[in-house]
Amino acid sequence: MLTTSNFDYFSLFTRFCGFKILVRANRLGCDNDLARCAHDRLVAKLGELIGLMGDGLRAEQDTALDEATSRYRAACEDLYWIDEEFSSRWLTERPHPLLDELRIDFATREIFDERSRRWRPLGETEPSLRDIGDHELCGLRRIIDDIAAETGVDFSAGRIVYGSSG
C-alpha cells in the first residue's frame, strides 16, 4: 500500500502560501483592470492549490498511524488520489490560463467563444493568443515565472486577438 507521496506537500504548501501573499501584495500596485483580474484569478487558483496541499499534509500525517486501522487505509487511498489530482490537473504541459484561453477544434473548424459559452465556426482570420507582458500585468509575469520554476505549476496570461490586431 502507498504510504509515501511523490510530492513534498509541506514544501509546496508553504511555497503556494508565500506566493499567494506575494500576489496579494503585488496587486496593491496594479493600475489597470486587466492586471487586477489576473491577480485575483491567480490568488483563487493558489487558494485551490493550498487546499489540495493541506489535504496532502493531513493524509501524510494519517499514514503514520497503525497500518491495521481503517483511518490509515483511508489516508493511503486519499494520498494516492491527491497525488493523482496534483500531477494530472496541475502539472500539465499546458499552462493554466488566468485570462483568455484559446480553444480551437481543428477537426470541426470551430472555436469556443468564452463570451457566449458556445462553439462557433472559425472566421476568415484565425485567432491567436497574445501573451500579456509584465508591464501590463504590473509585475505579475515575474511571479508566474517564479511559481513555475519553484513548483512546476505553470500559468499563462494572454488575450485572444483576431487577424493582425493586437
N, C-alpha and C. Protein backbone atom coordinates (compact mmCIF):
# COMPACT_ATOMS: atom_id res chain seq x y z
N MET A 1 0.84 -1.18 0.00
CA MET A 1 0.00 0.00 0.00
C MET A 1 0.89 1.25 0.00
N LEU A 2 0.44 2.29 -0.71
CA LEU A 2 1.17 3.54 -0.79
C LEU A 2 1.20 4.23 0.57
N THR A 3 2.38 4.46 1.10
CA THR A 3 2.46 5.16 2.38
C THR A 3 3.24 6.46 2.26
N THR A 4 3.85 6.69 1.13
CA THR A 4 4.55 7.96 0.92
C THR A 4 4.09 8.56 -0.40
N SER A 5 4.24 9.84 -0.51
CA SER A 5 3.81 10.56 -1.70
C SER A 5 5.01 10.84 -2.59
N ASN A 6 4.72 11.12 -3.82
CA ASN A 6 5.76 11.55 -4.76
C ASN A 6 6.09 13.02 -4.58
N PHE A 7 5.32 13.72 -3.76
CA PHE A 7 5.46 15.16 -3.61
C PHE A 7 5.75 15.54 -2.16
N ASP A 8 6.44 16.66 -2.00
CA ASP A 8 6.71 17.22 -0.68
C ASP A 8 5.62 18.24 -0.39
N TYR A 9 4.53 17.77 0.19
CA TYR A 9 3.37 18.64 0.38
C TYR A 9 3.65 19.80 1.33
N PHE A 10 4.50 19.60 2.32
CA PHE A 10 4.82 20.69 3.24
C PHE A 10 5.53 21.82 2.50
N SER A 11 6.52 21.47 1.69
CA SER A 11 7.25 22.49 0.93
C SER A 11 6.33 23.19 -0.08
N LEU A 12 5.51 22.42 -0.78
CA LEU A 12 4.59 23.01 -1.75
C LEU A 12 3.56 23.90 -1.06
N PHE A 13 3.05 23.45 0.09
CA PHE A 13 2.08 24.23 0.86
C PHE A 13 2.67 25.60 1.23
N THR A 14 3.87 25.59 1.77
CA THR A 14 4.49 26.85 2.19
C THR A 14 4.81 27.74 0.99
N ARG A 15 5.25 27.15 -0.10
CA ARG A 15 5.54 27.96 -1.30
C ARG A 15 4.28 28.60 -1.86
N PHE A 16 3.20 27.81 -1.98
CA PHE A 16 1.96 28.37 -2.51
C PHE A 16 1.41 29.45 -1.59
N CYS A 17 1.51 29.26 -0.27
CA CYS A 17 1.08 30.29 0.68
C CYS A 17 1.89 31.57 0.49
N GLY A 18 3.20 31.41 0.37
CA GLY A 18 4.06 32.57 0.16
C GLY A 18 3.75 33.29 -1.14
N PHE A 19 3.50 32.54 -2.20
CA PHE A 19 3.16 33.17 -3.48
C PHE A 19 1.80 33.87 -3.40
N LYS A 20 0.87 33.30 -2.67
CA LYS A 20 -0.44 33.94 -2.53
C LYS A 20 -0.30 35.30 -1.84
N ILE A 21 0.51 35.36 -0.80
CA ILE A 21 0.75 36.63 -0.10
C ILE A 21 1.44 37.61 -1.04
N LEU A 22 2.42 37.13 -1.79
CA LEU A 22 3.15 37.98 -2.73
C LEU A 22 2.23 38.54 -3.80
N VAL A 23 1.34 37.71 -4.35
CA VAL A 23 0.42 38.17 -5.39
C VAL A 23 -0.54 39.21 -4.82
N ARG A 24 -1.05 38.97 -3.61
CA ARG A 24 -1.95 39.94 -2.99
C ARG A 24 -1.24 41.28 -2.76
N ALA A 25 -0.02 41.22 -2.30
CA ALA A 25 0.74 42.45 -2.07
C ALA A 25 1.03 43.16 -3.39
N ASN A 26 1.38 42.39 -4.41
CA ASN A 26 1.69 42.97 -5.73
C ASN A 26 0.45 43.62 -6.34
N ARG A 27 -0.73 43.07 -6.06
CA ARG A 27 -1.98 43.61 -6.61
C ARG A 27 -2.22 45.04 -6.16
N LEU A 28 -1.72 45.42 -5.00
CA LEU A 28 -1.92 46.77 -4.49
C LEU A 28 -1.33 47.83 -5.43
N GLY A 29 -0.34 47.44 -6.21
CA GLY A 29 0.29 48.38 -7.14
C GLY A 29 -0.30 48.35 -8.54
N CYS A 30 -1.36 47.60 -8.75
CA CYS A 30 -1.95 47.49 -10.10
C CYS A 30 -2.62 48.80 -10.50
N ASP A 31 -2.42 49.16 -11.77
CA ASP A 31 -3.02 50.39 -12.28
C ASP A 31 -4.02 50.14 -13.40
N ASN A 32 -4.42 48.87 -13.61
CA ASN A 32 -5.41 48.60 -14.65
C ASN A 32 -6.24 47.37 -14.27
N ASP A 33 -7.45 47.31 -14.84
CA ASP A 33 -8.38 46.23 -14.52
C ASP A 33 -7.89 44.87 -14.99
N LEU A 34 -7.20 44.83 -16.12
CA LEU A 34 -6.69 43.55 -16.64
C LEU A 34 -5.72 42.92 -15.64
N ALA A 35 -4.81 43.71 -15.12
CA ALA A 35 -3.83 43.21 -14.15
C ALA A 35 -4.53 42.79 -12.86
N ARG A 36 -5.48 43.58 -12.40
CA ARG A 36 -6.21 43.22 -11.18
C ARG A 36 -6.97 41.91 -11.36
N CYS A 37 -7.57 41.72 -12.52
CA CYS A 37 -8.30 40.47 -12.82
C CYS A 37 -7.34 39.28 -12.81
N ALA A 38 -6.19 39.41 -13.45
CA ALA A 38 -5.21 38.32 -13.48
C ALA A 38 -4.71 38.01 -12.07
N HIS A 39 -4.46 39.03 -11.28
CA HIS A 39 -4.03 38.83 -9.89
C HIS A 39 -5.11 38.08 -9.09
N ASP A 40 -6.36 38.52 -9.22
CA ASP A 40 -7.45 37.89 -8.47
C ASP A 40 -7.61 36.43 -8.86
N ARG A 41 -7.52 36.13 -10.14
CA ARG A 41 -7.66 34.74 -10.58
C ARG A 41 -6.49 33.88 -10.11
N LEU A 42 -5.29 34.45 -10.08
CA LEU A 42 -4.15 33.69 -9.58
C LEU A 42 -4.29 33.43 -8.09
N VAL A 43 -4.77 34.40 -7.34
CA VAL A 43 -4.99 34.20 -5.91
C VAL A 43 -5.98 33.06 -5.69
N ALA A 44 -7.04 33.01 -6.49
CA ALA A 44 -8.04 31.94 -6.36
C ALA A 44 -7.43 30.58 -6.67
N LYS A 45 -6.63 30.50 -7.73
CA LYS A 45 -6.01 29.22 -8.11
C LYS A 45 -4.98 28.79 -7.06
N LEU A 46 -4.24 29.74 -6.52
CA LEU A 46 -3.31 29.40 -5.44
C LEU A 46 -4.06 28.92 -4.21
N GLY A 47 -5.24 29.48 -3.95
CA GLY A 47 -6.07 29.00 -2.84
C GLY A 47 -6.48 27.55 -3.04
N GLU A 48 -6.83 27.18 -4.28
CA GLU A 48 -7.16 25.78 -4.58
C GLU A 48 -5.96 24.88 -4.32
N LEU A 49 -4.79 25.33 -4.76
CA LEU A 49 -3.57 24.54 -4.57
C LEU A 49 -3.22 24.41 -3.09
N ILE A 50 -3.39 25.47 -2.33
CA ILE A 50 -3.12 25.43 -0.89
C ILE A 50 -4.05 24.42 -0.22
N GLY A 51 -5.31 24.43 -0.61
CA GLY A 51 -6.26 23.46 -0.07
C GLY A 51 -5.85 22.03 -0.38
N LEU A 52 -5.43 21.78 -1.62
CA LEU A 52 -5.01 20.44 -2.01
C LEU A 52 -3.75 20.01 -1.25
N MET A 53 -2.81 20.94 -1.08
CA MET A 53 -1.58 20.61 -0.34
C MET A 53 -1.90 20.34 1.13
N GLY A 54 -2.86 21.09 1.69
CA GLY A 54 -3.29 20.84 3.07
C GLY A 54 -3.89 19.45 3.21
N ASP A 55 -4.71 19.05 2.21
CA ASP A 55 -5.26 17.69 2.22
C ASP A 55 -4.14 16.65 2.17
N GLY A 56 -3.12 16.93 1.36
CA GLY A 56 -1.98 16.02 1.26
C GLY A 56 -1.22 15.90 2.57
N LEU A 57 -1.05 17.03 3.25
CA LEU A 57 -0.37 17.02 4.55
C LEU A 57 -1.15 16.19 5.58
N ARG A 58 -2.46 16.37 5.62
CA ARG A 58 -3.28 15.61 6.56
C ARG A 58 -3.23 14.11 6.25
N ALA A 59 -3.29 13.76 4.98
CA ALA A 59 -3.23 12.35 4.60
C ALA A 59 -1.86 11.76 4.95
N GLU A 60 -0.78 12.53 4.72
CA GLU A 60 0.55 12.04 5.09
C GLU A 60 0.65 11.80 6.60
N GLN A 61 0.08 12.70 7.39
CA GLN A 61 0.11 12.52 8.85
C GLN A 61 -0.62 11.25 9.25
N ASP A 62 -1.74 10.98 8.61
CA ASP A 62 -2.53 9.79 8.96
C ASP A 62 -1.86 8.50 8.52
N THR A 63 -0.93 8.57 7.57
CA THR A 63 -0.22 7.34 7.17
C THR A 63 0.81 6.93 8.22
N ALA A 64 1.03 7.77 9.22
CA ALA A 64 1.93 7.41 10.32
C ALA A 64 1.22 6.58 11.38
N LEU A 65 -0.08 6.37 11.20
CA LEU A 65 -0.86 5.57 12.16
C LEU A 65 -0.59 4.08 11.98
N ASP A 66 -1.12 3.31 12.88
CA ASP A 66 -1.03 1.86 12.81
C ASP A 66 -1.66 1.37 11.50
N GLU A 67 -0.94 0.52 10.78
CA GLU A 67 -1.39 0.04 9.48
C GLU A 67 -2.68 -0.76 9.54
N ALA A 68 -3.06 -1.22 10.69
CA ALA A 68 -4.27 -2.04 10.83
C ALA A 68 -5.54 -1.19 10.91
N THR A 69 -5.40 0.12 11.08
CA THR A 69 -6.59 0.96 11.26
C THR A 69 -7.22 1.34 9.92
N SER A 70 -8.51 1.57 9.97
CA SER A 70 -9.22 1.99 8.76
C SER A 70 -8.82 3.41 8.37
N ARG A 71 -8.47 4.23 9.35
CA ARG A 71 -8.03 5.60 9.07
C ARG A 71 -6.72 5.59 8.28
N TYR A 72 -5.82 4.66 8.61
CA TYR A 72 -4.57 4.52 7.87
C TYR A 72 -4.85 4.15 6.41
N ARG A 73 -5.71 3.15 6.21
CA ARG A 73 -6.03 2.71 4.85
C ARG A 73 -6.70 3.83 4.05
N ALA A 74 -7.60 4.57 4.71
CA ALA A 74 -8.26 5.70 4.03
C ALA A 74 -7.25 6.78 3.67
N ALA A 75 -6.29 7.02 4.56
CA ALA A 75 -5.27 8.03 4.30
C ALA A 75 -4.39 7.64 3.12
N CYS A 76 -4.06 6.35 3.03
CA CYS A 76 -3.26 5.88 1.89
C CYS A 76 -4.00 6.09 0.57
N GLU A 77 -5.29 5.79 0.59
CA GLU A 77 -6.09 6.00 -0.62
C GLU A 77 -6.21 7.49 -0.94
N ASP A 78 -6.47 8.29 0.09
CA ASP A 78 -6.55 9.74 -0.11
C ASP A 78 -5.26 10.28 -0.70
N LEU A 79 -4.13 9.84 -0.16
CA LEU A 79 -2.84 10.31 -0.63
C LEU A 79 -2.63 9.96 -2.10
N TYR A 80 -3.03 8.76 -2.47
CA TYR A 80 -2.93 8.35 -3.88
C TYR A 80 -3.72 9.30 -4.77
N TRP A 81 -4.97 9.59 -4.40
CA TRP A 81 -5.83 10.43 -5.24
C TRP A 81 -5.37 11.89 -5.22
N ILE A 82 -4.83 12.35 -4.13
CA ILE A 82 -4.29 13.71 -4.07
C ILE A 82 -3.08 13.82 -4.99
N ASP A 83 -2.19 12.82 -4.95
CA ASP A 83 -1.05 12.79 -5.89
C ASP A 83 -1.54 12.83 -7.33
N GLU A 84 -2.55 12.01 -7.62
CA GLU A 84 -3.09 11.95 -8.99
C GLU A 84 -3.68 13.29 -9.41
N GLU A 85 -4.45 13.90 -8.53
CA GLU A 85 -5.04 15.19 -8.89
C GLU A 85 -3.97 16.24 -9.12
N PHE A 86 -2.98 16.30 -8.25
CA PHE A 86 -1.93 17.30 -8.42
C PHE A 86 -1.17 17.08 -9.71
N SER A 87 -0.80 15.85 -9.99
CA SER A 87 0.00 15.61 -11.20
C SER A 87 -0.82 15.74 -12.47
N SER A 88 -2.06 15.25 -12.49
CA SER A 88 -2.83 15.30 -13.74
C SER A 88 -3.55 16.62 -13.96
N ARG A 89 -3.92 17.30 -12.89
CA ARG A 89 -4.64 18.57 -13.06
C ARG A 89 -3.71 19.78 -13.08
N TRP A 90 -2.71 19.79 -12.24
CA TRP A 90 -1.89 20.99 -12.07
C TRP A 90 -0.54 20.93 -12.77
N LEU A 91 0.06 19.76 -12.88
CA LEU A 91 1.37 19.65 -13.52
C LEU A 91 1.20 19.21 -14.97
N THR A 92 0.53 20.03 -15.74
CA THR A 92 0.21 19.72 -17.13
C THR A 92 1.18 20.40 -18.08
N GLU A 93 1.16 19.95 -19.33
CA GLU A 93 2.01 20.57 -20.34
C GLU A 93 1.50 21.97 -20.71
N ARG A 94 0.19 22.16 -20.65
CA ARG A 94 -0.39 23.45 -20.98
C ARG A 94 -0.53 24.29 -19.73
N PRO A 95 -0.13 25.55 -19.81
CA PRO A 95 -0.29 26.44 -18.65
C PRO A 95 -1.77 26.67 -18.33
N HIS A 96 -2.05 26.95 -17.08
CA HIS A 96 -3.41 27.25 -16.64
C HIS A 96 -3.69 28.72 -16.94
N PRO A 97 -4.73 29.00 -17.74
CA PRO A 97 -4.99 30.39 -18.13
C PRO A 97 -5.57 31.22 -17.00
N LEU A 98 -5.06 32.43 -16.86
CA LEU A 98 -5.60 33.39 -15.91
C LEU A 98 -6.55 34.36 -16.59
N LEU A 99 -6.40 34.55 -17.88
CA LEU A 99 -7.26 35.46 -18.63
C LEU A 99 -7.99 34.66 -19.70
N ASP A 100 -7.64 34.83 -20.96
CA ASP A 100 -8.31 34.11 -22.05
C ASP A 100 -7.65 32.77 -22.29
N GLU A 101 -8.47 31.85 -22.81
CA GLU A 101 -7.96 30.55 -23.23
C GLU A 101 -8.45 30.34 -24.65
N LEU A 102 -7.54 29.99 -25.52
CA LEU A 102 -7.87 29.78 -26.92
C LEU A 102 -8.12 28.29 -27.14
N ARG A 103 -9.38 27.93 -27.35
CA ARG A 103 -9.73 26.53 -27.59
C ARG A 103 -10.28 26.41 -29.02
N ILE A 104 -9.54 25.72 -29.87
CA ILE A 104 -9.94 25.52 -31.26
C ILE A 104 -10.06 24.03 -31.52
N ASP A 105 -11.16 23.64 -32.14
CA ASP A 105 -11.34 22.26 -32.60
C ASP A 105 -11.04 22.27 -34.09
N PHE A 106 -9.84 21.82 -34.45
CA PHE A 106 -9.44 21.88 -35.85
C PHE A 106 -10.18 20.86 -36.71
N ALA A 107 -10.70 19.80 -36.11
CA ALA A 107 -11.45 18.81 -36.87
C ALA A 107 -12.76 19.39 -37.38
N THR A 108 -13.43 20.19 -36.54
CA THR A 108 -14.70 20.78 -36.94
C THR A 108 -14.55 22.23 -37.38
N ARG A 109 -13.33 22.77 -37.27
CA ARG A 109 -13.03 24.17 -37.60
C ARG A 109 -13.92 25.12 -36.79
N GLU A 110 -13.95 24.88 -35.47
CA GLU A 110 -14.72 25.72 -34.57
C GLU A 110 -13.83 26.25 -33.46
N ILE A 111 -14.24 27.39 -32.93
CA ILE A 111 -13.56 28.00 -31.79
C ILE A 111 -14.58 28.18 -30.68
N PHE A 112 -14.13 27.99 -29.44
CA PHE A 112 -15.02 28.19 -28.30
C PHE A 112 -15.03 29.66 -27.95
N ASP A 113 -16.20 30.28 -28.01
CA ASP A 113 -16.36 31.69 -27.69
C ASP A 113 -16.66 31.80 -26.19
N GLU A 114 -15.72 32.36 -25.43
CA GLU A 114 -15.85 32.46 -23.98
C GLU A 114 -17.04 33.35 -23.58
N ARG A 115 -17.30 34.38 -24.39
CA ARG A 115 -18.38 35.31 -24.03
C ARG A 115 -19.75 34.65 -24.11
N SER A 116 -20.01 33.92 -25.20
CA SER A 116 -21.32 33.27 -25.36
C SER A 116 -21.34 31.86 -24.78
N ARG A 117 -20.16 31.35 -24.41
CA ARG A 117 -20.01 29.99 -23.87
C ARG A 117 -20.50 28.94 -24.87
N ARG A 118 -20.24 29.19 -26.19
CA ARG A 118 -20.65 28.28 -27.25
C ARG A 118 -19.53 28.14 -28.27
N TRP A 119 -19.58 27.02 -28.97
CA TRP A 119 -18.66 26.80 -30.08
C TRP A 119 -19.23 27.51 -31.30
N ARG A 120 -18.35 28.18 -32.09
CA ARG A 120 -18.79 28.84 -33.32
C ARG A 120 -17.77 28.56 -34.41
N PRO A 121 -18.20 28.65 -35.69
CA PRO A 121 -17.25 28.38 -36.78
C PRO A 121 -16.11 29.40 -36.81
N LEU A 122 -14.94 28.94 -37.22
CA LEU A 122 -13.82 29.87 -37.40
C LEU A 122 -14.13 30.80 -38.55
N GLY A 123 -13.72 32.03 -38.43
CA GLY A 123 -13.93 33.01 -39.50
C GLY A 123 -12.79 32.99 -40.50
N GLU A 124 -12.72 34.05 -41.26
CA GLU A 124 -11.66 34.19 -42.28
C GLU A 124 -10.27 34.22 -41.64
N THR A 125 -10.16 34.95 -40.57
CA THR A 125 -8.86 35.06 -39.90
C THR A 125 -8.88 34.22 -38.64
N GLU A 126 -7.89 33.39 -38.49
CA GLU A 126 -7.82 32.55 -37.29
C GLU A 126 -7.29 33.38 -36.12
N PRO A 127 -7.87 33.19 -34.97
CA PRO A 127 -7.42 33.95 -33.79
C PRO A 127 -6.09 33.40 -33.26
N SER A 128 -5.45 34.23 -32.48
CA SER A 128 -4.23 33.79 -31.80
C SER A 128 -4.27 34.33 -30.38
N LEU A 129 -3.41 33.81 -29.57
CA LEU A 129 -3.35 34.22 -28.18
C LEU A 129 -2.13 35.11 -27.99
N ARG A 130 -2.36 36.38 -27.62
CA ARG A 130 -1.26 37.31 -27.39
C ARG A 130 -0.90 37.28 -25.91
N ASP A 131 0.34 36.97 -25.64
CA ASP A 131 0.84 36.93 -24.28
C ASP A 131 0.92 38.35 -23.73
N ILE A 132 0.36 38.58 -22.56
CA ILE A 132 0.39 39.90 -21.93
C ILE A 132 1.71 40.05 -21.18
N GLY A 133 2.37 41.15 -21.39
CA GLY A 133 3.70 41.38 -20.81
C GLY A 133 3.67 41.77 -19.34
N ASP A 134 4.83 41.74 -18.74
CA ASP A 134 4.97 42.03 -17.31
C ASP A 134 4.54 43.45 -16.97
N HIS A 135 4.84 44.40 -17.83
CA HIS A 135 4.47 45.80 -17.55
C HIS A 135 2.96 45.95 -17.47
N GLU A 136 2.23 45.38 -18.44
CA GLU A 136 0.78 45.48 -18.45
C GLU A 136 0.15 44.70 -17.30
N LEU A 137 0.84 43.65 -16.83
CA LEU A 137 0.36 42.85 -15.69
C LEU A 137 0.86 43.38 -14.36
N CYS A 138 1.56 44.50 -14.40
CA CYS A 138 2.04 45.17 -13.18
C CYS A 138 2.95 44.26 -12.35
N GLY A 139 3.85 43.53 -13.00
CA GLY A 139 4.83 42.71 -12.30
C GLY A 139 4.41 41.27 -12.06
N LEU A 140 3.21 40.88 -12.48
CA LEU A 140 2.73 39.52 -12.21
C LEU A 140 3.46 38.46 -13.03
N ARG A 141 3.93 38.82 -14.20
CA ARG A 141 4.62 37.85 -15.07
C ARG A 141 5.82 37.23 -14.35
N ARG A 142 6.59 38.04 -13.65
CA ARG A 142 7.75 37.52 -12.91
C ARG A 142 7.33 36.54 -11.82
N ILE A 143 6.22 36.84 -11.15
CA ILE A 143 5.73 35.94 -10.11
C ILE A 143 5.26 34.62 -10.72
N ILE A 144 4.56 34.69 -11.85
CA ILE A 144 4.12 33.49 -12.56
C ILE A 144 5.32 32.62 -12.93
N ASP A 145 6.37 33.26 -13.43
CA ASP A 145 7.59 32.52 -13.79
C ASP A 145 8.23 31.87 -12.57
N ASP A 146 8.24 32.58 -11.45
CA ASP A 146 8.82 32.02 -10.21
C ASP A 146 7.99 30.84 -9.70
N ILE A 147 6.67 30.94 -9.80
CA ILE A 147 5.81 29.83 -9.37
C ILE A 147 6.13 28.59 -10.20
N ALA A 148 6.25 28.76 -11.51
CA ALA A 148 6.56 27.62 -12.39
C ALA A 148 7.93 27.03 -12.05
N ALA A 149 8.91 27.88 -11.82
CA ALA A 149 10.26 27.40 -11.54
C ALA A 149 10.34 26.66 -10.20
N GLU A 150 9.61 27.14 -9.20
CA GLU A 150 9.71 26.56 -7.86
C GLU A 150 8.75 25.41 -7.59
N THR A 151 7.63 25.35 -8.34
CA THR A 151 6.63 24.32 -8.03
C THR A 151 6.28 23.42 -9.21
N GLY A 152 6.59 23.86 -10.42
CA GLY A 152 6.21 23.10 -11.61
C GLY A 152 4.83 23.43 -12.12
N VAL A 153 4.07 24.27 -11.42
CA VAL A 153 2.73 24.66 -11.84
C VAL A 153 2.85 25.94 -12.66
N ASP A 154 2.37 25.86 -13.91
CA ASP A 154 2.54 26.98 -14.84
C ASP A 154 1.21 27.66 -15.13
N PHE A 155 1.25 28.97 -15.19
CA PHE A 155 0.07 29.78 -15.51
C PHE A 155 0.39 30.65 -16.72
N SER A 156 -0.66 31.03 -17.45
CA SER A 156 -0.48 31.93 -18.59
C SER A 156 -1.42 33.11 -18.43
N ALA A 157 -1.06 34.20 -19.07
CA ALA A 157 -1.89 35.39 -19.09
C ALA A 157 -1.87 35.92 -20.51
N GLY A 158 -2.92 35.61 -21.26
CA GLY A 158 -2.98 36.04 -22.65
C GLY A 158 -4.37 36.51 -23.01
N ARG A 159 -4.45 37.22 -24.13
CA ARG A 159 -5.71 37.71 -24.67
C ARG A 159 -5.85 37.21 -26.09
N ILE A 160 -7.08 36.86 -26.48
CA ILE A 160 -7.34 36.42 -27.84
C ILE A 160 -7.38 37.63 -28.75
N VAL A 161 -6.67 37.55 -29.88
CA VAL A 161 -6.70 38.57 -30.91
C VAL A 161 -7.04 37.92 -32.24
N TYR A 162 -7.69 38.66 -33.10
CA TYR A 162 -8.09 38.14 -34.40
C TYR A 162 -7.32 38.87 -35.49
N GLY A 163 -6.84 38.12 -36.46
CA GLY A 163 -6.11 38.69 -37.58
C GLY A 163 -4.84 39.35 -37.16
N SER A 164 -4.57 40.53 -37.69
CA SER A 164 -3.31 41.23 -37.41
C SER A 164 -3.43 42.20 -36.26
N SER A 165 -4.62 42.28 -35.62
CA SER A 165 -4.75 43.19 -34.49
C SER A 165 -4.05 42.63 -33.27
N GLY A 166 -3.69 43.49 -32.36
CA GLY A 166 -3.08 43.05 -31.11
C GLY A 166 -1.68 43.42 -31.07
